[in-house]
């Protein structure tokens, strides 16, 4: 039987060798590219802002948000029915802590930045995204609850604000724990200042079903500025 080398004309053998080399390189790099993409998740930035013909954008300290360059900022969209609420979805690396800000751009290109400090977001595939207000500094709220769980169960918090999922378990904020802190679970999220918040905890089972804690809704009022820490016990 003739070998492949014997059947290929001598003039074409260099091209065949190059094709084999390129195929090997592609085979070695493609799985790595897929693995990197799998570490990203879609985060929706939502902000309430009135405009006078300006375009609203979001930028931040990562390339996906333009690295603080207004020319590379991500434009947000709105509609006649949703205005003055604007939104845009951006794919960001899971686990990253991102700083960001909103800005307005006039039809002539003039850029107006928010005058508040940089906002902060920790990227999680389970988080409901951020709900912000133009030029209003949010309160960084930390919820801590002592709760025992079975293997495979996880703890979440939801409430009456969009930032907490609006009572929808699918958009609730996940809490985390560890071997050194269990049964204490905790999670941080940005909330609007001077706002009465109703909230509740629930356990999510491995099959997706949920178990709510007993009792009435919990209530807390966010301060005008700064931070808020809530310490609870599962009931």
Protein backbone atom coordinates (compact mmCIF):
# COMPACT_ATOMS: atom_id res chain seq x y z
CA UNK A 1 0.00 0.00 0.00
CA UNK A 2 1.29 3.47 -0.88
CA UNK A 3 1.78 5.92 2.01
CA UNK A 4 0.26 9.42 2.01
CA UNK A 5 3.72 10.88 1.49
CA UNK A 6 4.11 8.74 -1.63
CA UNK A 7 0.73 9.83 -3.05
CA UNK A 8 1.25 13.59 -2.52
CA UNK A 9 3.28 15.34 -5.23
CA UNK A 10 6.57 16.74 -4.01
CA UNK A 11 5.53 20.33 -4.82
CA UNK A 12 2.52 20.11 -2.47
CA UNK A 13 4.27 18.49 0.50
CA UNK A 14 5.35 21.84 2.13
CA UNK A 15 1.75 23.08 1.95
CA UNK A 16 0.49 19.85 3.53
CA UNK A 17 3.00 20.15 6.37
CA UNK A 18 1.92 23.76 7.01
CA UNK A 19 -1.76 22.74 7.10
CA UNK A 20 -1.02 20.01 9.64
CA UNK A 21 0.93 22.47 11.79
CA UNK A 22 -1.89 25.05 11.75
CA UNK A 23 -4.46 22.40 12.64
CA UNK A 24 -2.39 21.38 15.65
CA UNK A 25 -2.07 24.96 16.84
CA UNK A 26 -5.82 25.57 16.52
CA UNK A 27 -6.61 22.35 18.36
CA UNK A 28 -4.35 23.39 21.23
CA UNK A 29 -5.68 26.93 21.64
CA UNK A 30 -9.43 26.54 21.03
CA UNK A 31 -10.26 24.77 24.34
CA UNK A 32 -8.43 27.51 26.27
CA UNK A 33 -10.46 30.22 24.52
CA UNK A 34 -13.72 28.45 25.40
CA UNK A 35 -12.63 28.06 29.02
CA UNK A 36 -11.92 31.80 29.34
CA UNK A 37 -15.33 32.70 27.88
CA UNK A 38 -17.06 30.35 30.30
CA UNK A 39 -15.75 32.50 33.19
CA UNK A 40 -17.72 35.55 32.01
CA UNK A 41 -21.34 36.34 32.87
CA UNK A 42 -23.81 38.96 31.66
CA UNK A 43 -24.39 41.82 34.12
CA UNK A 44 -27.14 44.37 33.51
CA UNK A 45 -26.46 47.96 34.52
CA UNK A 46 -29.69 49.83 35.26
CA UNK A 47 -29.91 53.50 36.18
CA UNK A 48 -32.69 56.04 36.56
CA UNK A 49 -31.70 59.31 34.91
CA UNK A 50 -33.47 62.19 33.19
CA UNK A 51 -31.79 63.58 30.10
CA UNK A 52 -32.29 66.46 27.71
CA UNK A 53 -31.35 64.81 24.45
CA UNK A 54 -28.15 63.33 25.88
CA UNK A 55 -26.96 59.75 25.57
CA UNK A 56 -26.34 57.84 28.80
CA UNK A 57 -23.26 55.63 29.11
CA UNK A 58 -21.44 53.55 31.69
CA UNK A 59 -17.66 53.24 31.98
CA UNK A 60 -15.28 51.75 34.52
CA UNK A 61 -11.89 50.30 35.35
CA UNK A 62 -12.08 47.24 33.07
CA UNK A 63 -11.70 47.03 29.27
CA UNK A 64 -15.29 45.78 28.89
CA UNK A 65 -16.45 49.16 30.24
CA UNK A 66 -13.93 51.24 28.33
CA UNK A 67 -11.21 51.59 31.00
CA UNK A 68 -12.51 55.05 32.02
CA UNK A 69 -12.30 56.32 28.41
CA UNK A 70 -15.58 58.10 27.50
CA UNK A 71 -14.95 57.30 23.83
CA UNK A 72 -15.07 53.58 24.69
CA UNK A 73 -17.90 53.73 27.27
CA UNK A 74 -20.91 51.43 26.88
CA UNK A 75 -24.11 53.20 25.80
CA UNK A 76 -27.32 52.45 27.70
CA UNK A 77 -30.73 52.26 26.09
CA UNK A 78 -34.24 53.30 27.02
CA UNK A 79 -37.71 53.39 25.46
CA UNK A 80 -40.70 55.70 25.62
CA UNK A 81 -42.39 53.35 28.10
CA UNK A 82 -39.35 52.71 30.32
CA UNK A 83 -37.84 56.23 30.42
CA UNK A 84 -36.21 57.54 32.65
CA UNK A 85 -34.90 54.01 33.27
CA UNK A 86 -31.86 53.09 31.18
CA UNK A 87 -30.05 49.74 30.91
CA UNK A 88 -27.27 47.84 29.18
CA UNK A 89 -25.92 44.29 29.53
CA UNK A 90 -22.16 43.73 29.64
CA UNK A 91 -20.24 40.47 29.93
CA UNK A 92 -17.77 40.64 32.82
CA UNK A 93 -15.43 38.11 34.48
CA UNK A 94 -17.01 36.23 37.38
CA UNK A 95 -15.55 37.18 40.76
CA UNK A 96 -14.08 40.49 39.60
CA UNK A 97 -14.68 43.65 41.63
CA UNK A 98 -15.48 46.41 39.16
CA UNK A 99 -15.53 50.17 39.71
CA UNK A 100 -17.81 52.14 37.42
CA UNK A 101 -19.63 55.42 36.82
CA UNK A 102 -22.33 56.78 34.56
CA UNK A 103 -21.90 59.73 32.22
CA UNK A 104 -24.01 61.77 29.83
CA UNK A 105 -22.92 62.78 26.35
CA UNK A 106 -24.65 65.66 24.55
CA UNK A 107 -25.34 65.71 20.80
CA UNK A 108 -22.31 68.00 20.42
CA UNK A 109 -20.06 65.53 22.27
CA UNK A 110 -19.86 67.27 25.65
CA UNK A 111 -19.42 64.71 28.44
CA UNK A 112 -20.86 65.14 31.95
CA UNK A 113 -19.71 62.72 34.64
CA UNK A 114 -21.50 61.82 37.83
CA UNK A 115 -20.02 63.83 40.70
CA UNK A 116 -20.45 60.98 43.20
CA UNK A 117 -17.62 58.55 44.14
CA UNK A 118 -16.98 55.50 41.97
CA UNK A 119 -19.57 52.76 42.27
CA UNK A 120 -18.49 49.19 43.02
CA UNK A 121 -19.83 45.86 41.76
CA UNK A 122 -18.67 42.31 42.51
CA UNK A 123 -19.54 40.16 39.50
CA UNK A 124 -21.65 37.08 40.25
CA UNK A 125 -23.70 34.94 37.84
CA UNK A 126 -26.51 34.80 40.43
CA UNK A 127 -26.69 38.53 41.26
CA UNK A 128 -29.71 40.47 39.92
CA UNK A 129 -27.52 43.31 38.59
CA UNK A 130 -27.39 46.89 39.81
CA UNK A 131 -30.22 49.40 40.08
CA UNK A 132 -28.79 52.90 40.39
CA UNK A 133 -29.91 56.52 40.33
CA UNK A 134 -27.95 59.19 38.50
CA UNK A 135 -25.63 61.13 40.82
CA UNK A 136 -26.98 59.40 43.94
CA UNK A 137 -24.42 57.54 46.03
CA UNK A 138 -25.74 54.11 47.06
CA UNK A 139 -25.44 52.60 50.52
CA UNK A 140 -23.24 49.51 50.73
CA UNK A 141 -25.42 47.08 52.69
CA UNK A 142 -24.09 43.86 54.20
CA UNK A 143 -26.61 41.22 55.31
CA UNK A 144 -25.36 38.61 57.79
CA UNK A 145 -27.55 35.75 58.95
CA UNK A 146 -26.86 32.68 61.08
CA UNK A 147 -28.54 29.68 59.45
CA UNK A 148 -27.86 25.94 59.28
CA UNK A 149 -28.19 24.15 55.94
CA UNK A 150 -28.05 20.64 54.56
CA UNK A 151 -25.46 19.55 52.02
CA UNK A 152 -26.17 21.24 48.67
CA UNK A 153 -28.43 23.94 50.08
CA UNK A 154 -27.58 27.62 49.67
CA UNK A 155 -28.92 30.77 51.29
CA UNK A 156 -30.35 33.82 49.52
CA UNK A 157 -31.94 37.15 50.40
CA UNK A 158 -34.69 38.92 48.46
CA UNK A 159 -36.96 41.86 49.15
CA UNK A 160 -39.18 44.64 47.90
CA UNK A 161 -36.50 46.48 45.90
CA UNK A 162 -35.30 45.62 42.39
CA UNK A 163 -31.76 45.51 43.81
CA UNK A 164 -32.87 42.56 45.96
CA UNK A 165 -34.85 40.83 43.22
CA UNK A 166 -38.34 42.24 43.94
CA UNK A 167 -39.36 39.07 45.81
CA UNK A 168 -38.43 36.88 42.83
CA UNK A 169 -36.27 33.93 44.03
CA UNK A 170 -34.71 33.69 40.57
CA UNK A 171 -33.28 37.22 40.97
CA UNK A 172 -32.42 37.07 44.68
CA UNK A 173 -28.98 37.94 46.04
CA UNK A 174 -26.83 34.90 46.96
CA UNK A 175 -25.15 34.74 50.36
CA UNK A 176 -21.88 32.92 51.01
CA UNK A 177 -20.25 31.08 53.88
CA UNK A 178 -17.07 29.10 54.55
CA UNK A 179 -15.63 26.40 56.73
CA UNK A 180 -14.30 29.00 59.17
CA UNK A 181 -17.53 31.05 59.34
CA UNK A 182 -20.38 28.55 58.94
CA UNK A 183 -23.24 28.76 59.97
CA UNK A 184 -22.83 32.51 59.35
CA UNK A 185 -23.81 33.53 55.81
CA UNK A 186 -23.18 37.00 54.38
CA UNK A 187 -23.62 39.07 51.26
CA UNK A 188 -23.16 42.71 50.24
CA UNK A 189 -25.22 44.75 47.81
CA UNK A 190 -25.74 48.39 46.94
CA UNK A 191 -29.09 49.86 48.02
CA UNK A 192 -30.65 53.33 47.66
CA UNK A 193 -30.19 55.70 50.63
CA UNK A 194 -33.02 56.80 52.94
CA UNK A 195 -35.17 53.85 51.89
CA UNK A 196 -37.34 51.44 53.86
CA UNK A 197 -36.37 47.92 52.82
CA UNK A 198 -38.47 44.82 53.39
CA UNK A 199 -36.61 41.54 52.98
CA UNK A 200 -36.52 37.86 53.82
CA UNK A 201 -34.12 34.90 53.61
CA UNK A 202 -34.73 31.56 51.96
CA UNK A 203 -32.89 28.29 51.38
CA UNK A 204 -32.52 26.93 47.85
CA UNK A 205 -32.29 23.16 47.48
CA UNK A 206 -30.16 21.39 44.85
CA UNK A 207 -33.30 20.70 42.78
CA UNK A 208 -34.13 24.42 42.67
CA UNK A 209 -37.02 24.38 45.16
CA UNK A 210 -36.96 27.00 47.91
CA UNK A 211 -37.86 27.12 51.59
CA UNK A 212 -38.71 30.53 53.03
CA UNK A 213 -37.97 31.44 56.64
CA UNK A 214 -40.96 31.84 58.96
CA UNK A 215 -42.48 35.07 60.23
CA UNK A 216 -43.29 38.46 58.76
CA UNK A 217 -41.06 40.34 56.36
CA UNK A 218 -38.01 41.89 57.97
CA UNK A 219 -37.61 45.67 57.74
CA UNK A 220 -34.62 48.00 57.80
CA UNK A 221 -34.14 51.65 56.78
CA UNK A 222 -30.97 52.51 54.88
CA UNK A 223 -28.95 55.52 56.11
CA UNK A 224 -28.46 58.70 54.04
CA UNK A 225 -24.86 57.74 53.23
CA UNK A 226 -22.17 55.22 54.05
CA UNK A 227 -22.71 51.60 54.96
CA UNK A 228 -25.31 49.38 56.59
CA UNK A 229 -24.68 46.06 58.34
CA UNK A 230 -27.61 43.82 59.35
CA UNK A 231 -27.18 40.83 61.66
CA UNK A 232 -30.03 38.28 61.70
CA UNK A 233 -30.81 34.72 62.75
CA UNK A 234 -32.82 32.36 60.54
CA UNK A 235 -36.29 31.75 61.91
